[in-house]
Structure formats: structure tokens, C-alpha cells
Amino acid sequence: MLKNKCIVIGVTGSIAAYKAADVVSFLKKQGADVTVIMTKNALNFINPITFETLSGNKCLIDTFDRNFEFSVEHVSLAKRADLFVVAPASADFIAKAANGIADDMLTTTFLASTCKKLIFPAMNTRMYENPITQDNMKKLEHYGIEIVEPASGYLACGDTGKGKLAPVEEIEEYIMMNAAFDHDLTGKRVLVSAGPTQEDIDPVRFITNHSTGKMGYAVAKNAARRGADVTLVSGPVSIEPPMGVRTVQVRSAQQMFDEITDRSEEQDIIIMTAAVADMRPLNAASEKIHKVTMPDSIKLGTNPDILSYLGAHRRDGQVIVGFSIETENLIENSRVKPAKKHCDMIVANSLREKGAGFGTDTNVVTLITKDKAEELPIMSKDEVAERIFTFIRDM
């Protein structure tokens, strides 16, 4: 995803400097060209050989180092950089960057760079909360540099409070959102449904299905990475919401219907990945049903068909996508749905395919419109999500 992208990682003097090694390793696996610049204080916490081994590039420290191919290194690297990340960023670095001080390789290259810049502070709580540091960060934000808030918790100095470096996974996701995609959905509003619904039989029991929400969460994450304003309406799942996504939690099909239809008119793209229960008990008991009073049968009623409602009430220019899961006759059963549901595309997946369906990290789907069907090979759900939005773009 980051092939041919030049990512510069700045590492300053912080106990959290070792975490930058995980970030560099991740970026290299994504195909990025990674160069690490360390301050001299950072050398007290981690050896540059670590970064050189992980990145495959020389780790830069000294502005006047002559041991490289001739070029004005800080200017050359600044011109090539697609994204500049400083993690961890000390109070000293933030103060220098805010005031245009360029007295080492990192601050010089940072000042010369015109690409997108991300700063991840890491320091003692009192240093972070000091008005001087706060003013310096506001100044950097004024110049378009993004400051990502540190985490709170127990710090290496023994204090507890805000100042921990953001989790490595969060740093990696920020990089992906800013460098891995073309932001072709910037300005677009996207609504995604995900997960199962739960239909109460009594306060203890309910009807549900095996959906884990993984596919829907991957779709929401991909939309956010491409610059969209994303709302995720999710049934009960055990996975964390994607970063940069507005999440609305629901339980029942009726709740999902209400939350989606309240927001549907303002959306540019709606993707219904949720496995919404077709049926619900008509008379849910207010108290637990005991064995001795257990009925022989439970009378069921149908839930609202959210996709059909959206198709019937769509506004001009709106794109609506539904998901279909079958155990037999997948293509035949799914081909009729774009016309029947008044939607633009059905993403059909079969429970019979190995690596597809509920709970897996992969999927095997066919993208079906009124005019064509494109069968995709087995791939990760993140890759499926990417292909869905590319397909929508090219429709």
C-alpha cells in the first residue's frame, strides 16, 4: 500500500524511542522507502544500527556527515519525502520546530520539508501541560502540522498522566491514512452498517447470527483512509471501531433502521454490510422464561428491510451497496437484488467458500451490478474493502 512512498521518521531523545523500531518495520513491510533521522539524544535510548537494519537505509544523525553520496542531504531528503513523522517528539524538538530553529539534521530537514507532517509527542505530564509547550504545539498546528495527542497512563518517570507516546498501532494507522491512499473520497459522506443484530426473546435470550463485523469495519476503515467523513452503525461486536470513524452502537434491527434512515439523506455512499436479522419475536417476554413455562414455539415477525427502504427513498446521485450471503445459488440469488432492492451493487459472498463468510480475516466475493459481475479471488477483508470503493469509483 505504501510502495514507492518516501516516509521520513524522526526519533528524538525519549524512553519511547524504541517503539519507533516497530513503526519502521511495519512501514517497510508495506513497501515504503523509510529513512530515519535521529537526534543525538536519541542515541542514548536506541542504536541507529537497529533502524538501518529495519529500513535498509542509512540512519541520519549528523548534518555534516560526509559519508554518503554527494548531495545536500537534508534538502534532498526533504524534497523526496511524501510524509514526515516525528515519533516520539520531545518537548525540545517541539520548541525548536515551532520557532524555526534548525540546528541538527532532524530540525533542518523538518524545516526544509513541505510534505504533510505528523508529530507524536512523548514527555513528562508536567512538561506536556506546561503553557509554553501547549503554545508551541498550537503554533505548529497553525502552520498546518498535525499534532496527535499522547496517551495517558503510567510514565517512565513514575508519574501518571498524559504524555505517553500514542500506541504504535495508532501511529501506523495515521501514517496509512495520510500516505497510503489518494484521498479520492475527500468531501464525501459515507455510511456503513456492520455486525449482527440481536432480537430479544426475553431479557436473557435473543436471536442473532454469526456476524463478527470484520467486513463492515474494514469497509469503514478504508473509507476513512480515503478521506471520507464516515459514520459506522454497528451491531454488537467485539472489535474496536476504526480510527477516524464516527461510530453509533445499536442492538436490534429496528434500532439499526432508525439510526440509518435518520442519517441516510445526507450520505453520498451507503454500504450495508450488516447481517440484519430478518425476523424478531413478536412478543418478547419482560421476564426470563423458565423451563416449566417454556412455550412450544415462538411467534416471529419480519424486521424492516433497510436496504429496500434506502433504495426506494434514495436521492439523486447517491450510491447504495448491499451485501448478500448465501449457502447455495449465490450468483443466481444475488443477480436479482440490484433491481429488486433499487441499489447500485450487491457484494455476494458464500458461506460454502473456504476463507469466506463470518469470522474470517479473508473473504471471497463477487461484485454484482445490473450489467455485470466481477468475481474476486480470496483476499483480506481490507483488500476487499479497497476493491469495493475502487469499483464504485469506476462505475
Protein backbone atom coordinates (compact mmCIF):
# COMPACT_ATOMS: atom_id res chain seq x y z
CA MET A 1 0.00 0.00 0.00
CA LEU A 2 2.97 2.31 0.57
CA LYS A 3 5.04 1.16 -2.40
CA ASN A 4 7.35 3.93 -3.66
CA LYS A 5 6.28 6.26 -0.85
CA CYS A 6 9.14 8.05 0.90
CA ILE A 7 8.45 8.22 4.63
CA VAL A 8 10.81 10.08 6.97
CA ILE A 9 10.72 9.07 10.63
CA GLY A 10 12.23 11.46 13.17
CA VAL A 11 13.27 9.97 16.51
CA THR A 12 14.11 12.22 19.46
CA GLY A 13 15.51 11.64 22.95
CA SER A 14 12.69 9.80 24.73
CA ILE A 15 12.37 6.49 26.54
CA ALA A 16 9.71 5.67 23.92
CA ALA A 17 12.29 5.83 21.10
CA TYR A 18 12.43 2.03 20.92
CA LYS A 19 8.79 1.95 19.77
CA ALA A 20 9.79 3.70 16.55
CA ALA A 21 11.50 0.45 15.51
CA ASP A 22 8.10 -1.27 15.30
CA VAL A 23 6.77 1.57 13.15
CA VAL A 24 9.74 1.36 10.78
CA SER A 25 9.34 -2.41 10.48
CA PHE A 26 5.63 -2.03 9.69
CA LEU A 27 6.27 0.60 7.02
CA LYS A 28 8.96 -1.49 5.35
CA LYS A 29 6.54 -4.42 5.14
CA GLN A 30 4.05 -2.09 3.43
CA GLY A 31 6.65 -1.32 0.74
CA ALA A 32 7.65 2.15 1.90
CA ASP A 33 11.09 3.72 1.40
CA VAL A 34 11.86 4.64 5.03
CA THR A 35 14.62 6.93 6.24
CA VAL A 36 15.15 7.51 9.96
CA ILE A 37 16.69 10.71 11.34
CA MET A 38 17.81 10.59 14.97
CA THR A 39 18.77 13.38 17.32
CA LYS A 40 21.98 12.88 19.30
CA ASN A 41 19.93 12.48 22.48
CA ALA A 42 18.01 9.63 20.84
CA LEU A 43 21.29 7.69 20.65
CA ASN A 44 21.09 7.28 24.43
CA PHE A 45 17.97 5.14 24.02
CA ILE A 46 18.38 3.11 20.81
CA ASN A 47 21.21 2.24 18.43
CA PRO A 48 20.98 3.57 14.84
CA ILE A 49 22.00 0.12 13.56
CA THR A 50 18.52 -1.07 14.57
CA PHE A 51 16.87 1.42 12.23
CA GLU A 52 19.37 0.80 9.43
CA THR A 53 18.70 -2.93 9.61
CA LEU A 54 14.93 -2.50 9.60
CA SER A 55 14.75 0.22 6.95
CA GLY A 56 17.61 -0.79 4.66
CA ASN A 57 18.70 2.86 4.58
CA LYS A 58 21.42 4.81 6.38
CA CYS A 59 20.20 6.34 9.64
CA LEU A 60 20.95 10.07 9.54
CA ILE A 61 22.23 11.91 12.61
CA ASP A 62 24.96 14.41 11.76
CA THR A 63 24.13 17.30 9.44
CA PHE A 64 27.75 17.45 8.31
CA ASP A 65 28.34 13.72 7.87
CA ARG A 66 30.38 13.27 4.66
CA ASN A 67 29.88 9.51 4.48
CA PHE A 68 27.13 9.48 1.85
CA GLU A 69 26.66 10.04 -1.87
CA PHE A 70 27.19 13.74 -2.58
CA SER A 71 24.06 15.85 -2.19
CA VAL A 72 22.81 18.39 0.31
CA GLU A 73 21.26 15.57 2.31
CA HIS A 74 18.68 17.43 4.38
CA VAL A 75 17.39 19.26 1.28
CA SER A 76 17.47 16.16 -0.92
CA LEU A 77 15.50 14.09 1.61
CA ALA A 78 13.07 16.93 2.29
CA LYS A 79 12.24 17.12 -1.41
CA ARG A 80 11.65 13.36 -1.71
CA ALA A 81 9.54 12.93 1.43
CA ASP A 82 5.85 12.11 0.97
CA LEU A 83 5.23 12.16 4.73
CA PHE A 84 7.32 13.34 7.69
CA VAL A 85 6.61 11.70 11.05
CA VAL A 86 8.31 12.56 14.34
CA ALA A 87 7.67 9.82 16.90
CA PRO A 88 8.49 10.22 19.69
CA ALA A 89 8.70 14.03 19.68
CA SER A 90 10.30 15.56 22.76
CA ALA A 91 9.42 18.96 24.23
CA ASP A 92 12.82 20.17 22.99
CA PHE A 93 12.09 19.20 19.39
CA ILE A 94 8.58 20.72 19.51
CA ALA A 95 10.00 24.01 20.84
CA LYS A 96 12.64 24.14 18.10
CA ALA A 97 10.22 23.22 15.31
CA ALA A 98 7.68 25.81 16.48
CA ASN A 99 10.27 28.57 16.35
CA GLY A 100 12.06 27.61 13.16
CA ILE A 101 15.28 26.51 14.84
CA ALA A 102 17.32 24.22 12.59
CA ASP A 103 20.43 23.17 14.49
CA ASP A 104 20.68 19.46 13.73
CA MET A 105 19.82 17.01 10.96
CA LEU A 106 16.26 16.41 12.16
CA THR A 107 15.18 20.02 12.68
CA THR A 108 16.95 21.13 9.48
CA THR A 109 15.24 18.50 7.34
CA PHE A 110 11.92 19.14 9.07
CA LEU A 111 12.13 22.86 8.30
CA ALA A 112 13.09 22.22 4.66
CA SER A 113 10.27 19.73 4.08
CA THR A 114 6.97 20.82 2.51
CA CYS A 115 5.11 17.50 2.74
CA LYS A 116 2.44 16.53 5.29
CA LYS A 117 3.89 16.37 8.82
CA LEU A 118 2.74 14.40 11.87
CA ILE A 119 4.09 14.92 15.37
CA PHE A 120 3.55 12.39 18.18
CA PRO A 121 4.62 13.99 21.49
CA ALA A 122 6.08 11.93 24.34
CA MET A 123 7.22 13.53 27.58
CA ASN A 124 6.51 14.01 31.28
CA THR A 125 2.97 15.18 32.04
CA ARG A 126 4.10 18.49 33.55
CA MET A 127 6.26 19.21 30.52
CA TYR A 128 3.37 18.39 28.19
CA GLU A 129 0.87 20.52 30.12
CA ASN A 130 3.29 23.44 30.52
CA PRO A 131 1.76 26.50 28.79
CA ILE A 132 4.96 27.01 26.81
CA THR A 133 4.72 23.51 25.29
CA GLN A 134 0.99 23.98 24.67
CA ASP A 135 1.66 27.29 22.90
CA ASN A 136 4.39 25.68 20.79
CA MET A 137 2.02 22.93 19.66
CA LYS A 138 -0.69 25.46 18.81
CA LYS A 139 1.85 27.37 16.73
CA LEU A 140 2.77 24.20 14.82
CA GLU A 141 -0.91 23.45 14.22
CA HIS A 142 -1.35 27.00 12.92
CA TYR A 143 1.24 26.16 10.26
CA GLY A 144 -0.66 23.03 9.22
CA ILE A 145 1.34 20.47 11.17
CA GLU A 146 -0.80 17.78 12.81
CA ILE A 147 -0.19 17.06 16.49
CA VAL A 148 -1.52 13.71 17.70
CA GLU A 149 -2.40 13.72 21.39
CA PRO A 150 -0.32 11.45 23.59
CA ALA A 151 -1.91 8.70 25.65
CA SER A 152 -2.48 8.82 29.39
CA GLY A 153 -1.08 6.31 31.85
CA TYR A 154 1.92 5.39 33.97
CA LEU A 155 5.05 7.15 32.72
CA ALA A 156 8.69 6.03 32.90
CA CYS A 157 9.40 8.82 35.39
CA GLY A 158 6.90 7.33 37.83
CA ASP A 159 4.15 9.90 37.27
CA THR A 160 0.69 9.06 35.99
CA GLY A 161 -0.95 11.31 33.43
CA LYS A 162 -0.91 12.42 29.81
CA GLY A 163 2.39 12.16 27.98
CA LYS A 164 2.81 8.55 26.82
CA LEU A 165 3.58 8.08 23.16
CA ALA A 166 0.45 7.15 21.24
CA PRO A 167 0.10 3.37 20.69
CA VAL A 168 2.18 2.03 17.82
CA GLU A 169 -0.98 0.79 16.04
CA GLU A 170 -2.40 4.31 16.15
CA ILE A 171 0.79 5.80 14.73
CA GLU A 172 0.74 3.22 11.93
CA GLU A 173 -2.90 3.98 11.12
CA TYR A 174 -2.23 7.73 11.00
CA ILE A 175 0.56 7.07 8.52
CA MET A 176 -1.67 4.84 6.39
CA MET A 177 -4.44 7.44 6.37
CA ASN A 178 -2.04 10.16 5.26
CA ALA A 179 0.23 8.32 2.83
CA ALA A 180 -1.27 5.06 1.58
CA PHE A 181 -4.29 6.37 -0.33
CA ASP A 182 -5.14 9.13 -2.80
CA HIS A 183 -7.98 10.55 -0.65
CA ASP A 184 -10.35 10.18 -3.57
CA LEU A 185 -13.30 10.27 -1.13
CA THR A 186 -12.41 13.63 0.39
CA GLY A 187 -15.61 15.64 0.83
CA LYS A 188 -17.79 12.53 0.58
CA ARG A 189 -20.04 11.30 3.38
CA VAL A 190 -20.12 7.54 3.75
CA LEU A 191 -22.38 5.47 5.97
CA VAL A 192 -21.53 1.83 6.69
CA SER A 193 -23.55 -0.73 8.63
CA ALA A 194 -21.79 -3.67 10.26
CA GLY A 195 -22.17 -6.62 12.57
CA PRO A 196 -25.21 -8.63 13.64
CA THR A 197 -28.42 -7.53 15.31
CA GLN A 198 -29.93 -9.10 18.42
CA GLU A 199 -33.67 -9.68 18.69
CA ASP A 200 -34.82 -10.29 22.26
CA ILE A 201 -36.82 -13.36 23.24
CA ASP A 202 -36.68 -12.33 26.90
CA PRO A 203 -34.18 -10.30 29.00
CA VAL A 204 -31.74 -13.24 28.89
CA ARG A 205 -32.05 -14.75 25.39
CA PHE A 206 -32.07 -13.37 21.88
CA ILE A 207 -31.98 -14.37 18.21
CA THR A 208 -28.82 -13.38 16.34
CA ASN A 209 -26.33 -14.66 13.74
CA HIS A 210 -22.61 -15.36 13.39
CA SER A 211 -21.55 -11.96 12.01
CA THR A 212 -18.44 -10.50 13.67
CA GLY A 213 -18.48 -7.11 11.92
CA LYS A 214 -14.98 -7.58 10.44
CA MET A 215 -16.04 -6.89 6.86
CA GLY A 216 -18.04 -3.77 7.72
CA TYR A 217 -15.30 -2.39 9.93
CA ALA A 218 -12.79 -2.94 7.11
CA VAL A 219 -15.08 -1.00 4.74
CA ALA A 220 -15.43 1.87 7.22
CA LYS A 221 -11.65 1.97 7.79
CA ASN A 222 -10.93 2.04 4.07
CA ALA A 223 -13.39 4.88 3.52
CA ALA A 224 -11.75 6.91 6.30
CA ARG A 225 -8.29 6.23 4.86
CA ARG A 226 -9.51 7.62 1.54
CA GLY A 227 -10.59 10.86 3.17
CA ALA A 228 -14.33 10.31 3.63
CA ASP A 229 -16.45 11.55 6.53
CA VAL A 230 -17.54 8.12 7.80
CA THR A 231 -20.40 7.04 10.04
CA LEU A 232 -20.43 3.40 11.15
CA VAL A 233 -23.70 1.99 12.51
CA SER A 234 -22.69 -1.20 14.27
CA GLY A 235 -24.46 -4.08 15.92
CA PRO A 236 -22.82 -5.77 18.94
CA VAL A 237 -19.25 -6.84 18.07
CA SER A 238 -16.02 -7.41 19.99
CA ILE A 239 -13.66 -5.36 17.78
CA GLU A 240 -12.52 -1.76 18.24
CA PRO A 241 -14.03 0.89 15.92
CA PRO A 242 -11.65 2.14 13.22
CA MET A 243 -9.77 5.36 13.86
CA GLY A 244 -11.32 8.50 12.43
CA VAL A 245 -14.78 6.95 12.16
CA ARG A 246 -17.95 8.14 13.91
CA THR A 247 -19.49 5.02 15.46
CA VAL A 248 -23.12 4.50 16.50
CA GLN A 249 -23.83 1.35 18.52
CA VAL A 250 -27.18 -0.45 18.17
CA ARG A 251 -28.63 -3.85 19.11
CA SER A 252 -31.83 -4.57 17.24
CA ALA A 253 -32.80 -4.35 13.58
CA GLN A 254 -35.32 -1.62 14.41
CA GLN A 255 -32.63 0.45 16.14
CA MET A 256 -30.35 -0.01 13.13
CA PHE A 257 -33.18 1.01 10.79
CA ASP A 258 -33.87 4.16 12.83
CA GLU A 259 -30.21 5.24 13.08
CA ILE A 260 -29.51 4.64 9.38
CA THR A 261 -32.66 6.22 7.98
CA ASP A 262 -32.20 9.29 10.22
CA ARG A 263 -28.84 9.87 8.52
CA SER A 264 -29.37 8.43 5.05
CA GLU A 265 -30.42 11.52 3.13
CA GLU A 266 -27.15 13.37 3.79
CA GLN A 267 -24.93 10.45 2.72
CA ASP A 268 -23.17 10.19 -0.64
CA ILE A 269 -22.42 6.46 -0.31
CA ILE A 270 -24.22 3.86 1.85
CA ILE A 271 -22.78 0.37 2.21
CA MET A 272 -24.91 -2.15 4.06
CA THR A 273 -22.57 -4.91 5.25
CA ALA A 274 -24.55 -5.66 8.42
CA ALA A 275 -26.16 -9.07 8.83
CA VAL A 276 -29.53 -7.69 9.91
CA ALA A 277 -31.90 -10.27 11.39
CA ASP A 278 -34.84 -10.89 9.04
CA MET A 279 -37.10 -11.92 11.92
CA ARG A 280 -37.82 -10.99 15.53
CA PRO A 281 -40.02 -12.46 18.27
CA LEU A 282 -43.36 -10.66 18.11
CA ASN A 283 -43.90 -10.76 21.85
CA ALA A 284 -40.62 -10.55 23.76
CA ALA A 285 -41.15 -11.53 27.39
CA SER A 286 -40.48 -8.88 30.03
CA GLU A 287 -39.16 -11.51 32.47
CA LYS A 288 -36.96 -14.57 31.97
CA ILE A 289 -38.88 -17.53 30.53
CA HIS A 290 -38.33 -20.57 32.76
CA LYS A 291 -38.24 -24.16 31.55
CA VAL A 292 -41.56 -25.01 33.12
CA THR A 293 -43.30 -22.19 31.22
CA MET A 294 -41.30 -22.53 28.01
CA PRO A 295 -43.67 -22.25 25.01
CA ASP A 296 -43.63 -24.89 22.28
CA SER A 297 -43.00 -22.20 19.67
CA ILE A 298 -42.09 -18.54 19.36
CA LYS A 299 -44.16 -16.43 17.01
CA LEU A 300 -41.93 -14.40 14.70
CA GLY A 301 -42.49 -11.25 12.70
CA THR A 302 -40.42 -9.68 9.94
CA ASN A 303 -38.00 -6.84 10.53
CA PRO A 304 -37.86 -3.80 8.25
CA ASP A 305 -35.81 -4.32 5.08
CA ILE A 306 -33.31 -1.48 5.46
CA LEU A 307 -31.69 -1.88 2.04
CA SER A 308 -35.05 -1.86 0.24
CA TYR A 309 -36.13 1.24 2.14
CA LEU A 310 -32.90 3.05 1.27
CA GLY A 311 -33.28 2.11 -2.40
CA ALA A 312 -36.87 3.33 -2.51
CA HIS A 313 -36.03 6.64 -0.81
CA ARG A 314 -32.63 7.37 -2.35
CA ARG A 315 -31.74 10.86 -3.51
CA ASP A 316 -30.18 11.71 -6.86
CA GLY A 317 -26.50 10.85 -7.10
CA GLN A 318 -26.49 8.61 -4.05
CA VAL A 319 -24.66 5.27 -4.30
CA ILE A 320 -26.15 2.35 -2.38
CA VAL A 321 -24.41 -1.01 -1.94
CA GLY A 322 -25.81 -4.13 -0.28
CA PHE A 323 -24.25 -7.39 0.85
CA SER A 324 -25.65 -10.84 0.19
CA ILE A 325 -24.63 -14.09 1.85
CA GLU A 326 -25.93 -17.43 0.59
CA THR A 327 -25.38 -21.14 1.12
CA GLU A 328 -26.49 -22.08 -2.42
CA ASN A 329 -27.11 -20.50 -5.83
CA LEU A 330 -25.06 -17.47 -4.80
CA ILE A 331 -24.86 -15.69 -8.15
CA GLU A 332 -28.41 -16.52 -9.26
CA ASN A 333 -29.92 -15.34 -5.97
CA SER A 334 -27.77 -12.20 -5.87
CA ARG A 335 -28.19 -11.09 -9.51
CA VAL A 336 -31.84 -10.13 -8.97
CA LYS A 337 -31.13 -7.96 -5.94
CA PRO A 338 -29.78 -4.73 -7.54
CA ALA A 339 -33.09 -4.31 -9.39
CA LYS A 340 -35.24 -5.69 -6.59
CA LYS A 341 -33.64 -3.55 -3.86
CA HIS A 342 -33.06 -0.48 -6.11
CA CYS A 343 -29.35 -0.44 -5.24
CA ASP A 344 -26.26 0.03 -7.39
CA MET A 345 -24.32 -3.06 -6.38
CA ILE A 346 -24.55 -6.27 -4.40
CA VAL A 347 -21.44 -7.78 -2.84
CA ALA A 348 -22.18 -11.50 -2.86
CA ASN A 349 -20.32 -13.95 -0.65
CA SER A 350 -20.91 -17.62 0.04
CA LEU A 351 -20.63 -19.50 3.31
CA ARG A 352 -19.53 -22.53 1.30
CA GLU A 353 -16.29 -20.94 0.06
CA LYS A 354 -13.16 -21.66 2.08
CA GLY A 355 -11.83 -18.44 3.57
CA ALA A 356 -15.14 -16.59 3.17
CA GLY A 357 -18.03 -15.69 5.42
CA PHE A 358 -18.29 -14.89 9.11
CA GLY A 359 -15.36 -14.54 11.50
CA THR A 360 -12.54 -14.89 8.96
CA ASP A 361 -9.92 -12.27 8.09
CA THR A 362 -10.36 -13.08 4.38
CA ASN A 363 -13.31 -13.12 2.02
CA VAL A 364 -14.28 -14.37 -1.44
CA VAL A 365 -16.83 -12.08 -3.08
CA THR A 366 -18.45 -11.26 -6.39
CA LEU A 367 -19.31 -7.63 -7.16
CA ILE A 368 -22.65 -7.58 -8.97
CA THR A 369 -24.40 -4.69 -10.71
CA LYS A 370 -27.35 -4.70 -13.08
CA ASP A 371 -24.97 -5.03 -16.02
CA LYS A 372 -22.00 -7.10 -14.89
CA ALA A 373 -20.43 -9.33 -12.26
CA GLU A 374 -16.78 -9.32 -11.19
CA GLU A 375 -15.57 -12.33 -9.23
CA LEU A 376 -12.65 -11.59 -6.91
CA PRO A 377 -10.13 -14.15 -5.65
CA ILE A 378 -9.65 -14.82 -1.96
CA MET A 379 -8.14 -11.75 -0.30
CA SER A 380 -8.08 -9.98 3.04
CA LYS A 381 -11.19 -8.07 4.06
CA ASP A 382 -9.15 -4.85 3.93
CA GLU A 383 -8.33 -5.63 0.29
CA VAL A 384 -11.98 -6.45 -0.45
CA ALA A 385 -12.98 -3.08 1.02
CA GLU A 386 -10.43 -1.32 -1.17
CA ARG A 387 -11.73 -3.09 -4.28
CA ILE A 388 -15.34 -2.16 -3.43
CA PHE A 389 -14.54 1.56 -3.35
CA THR A 390 -12.41 1.32 -6.49
CA PHE A 391 -15.34 -0.44 -8.21
CA ILE A 392 -17.71 2.32 -7.05
CA ARG A 393 -15.33 5.00 -8.32
CA ASP A 394 -15.16 3.36 -11.74
CA MET A 395 -18.89 2.65 -12.13
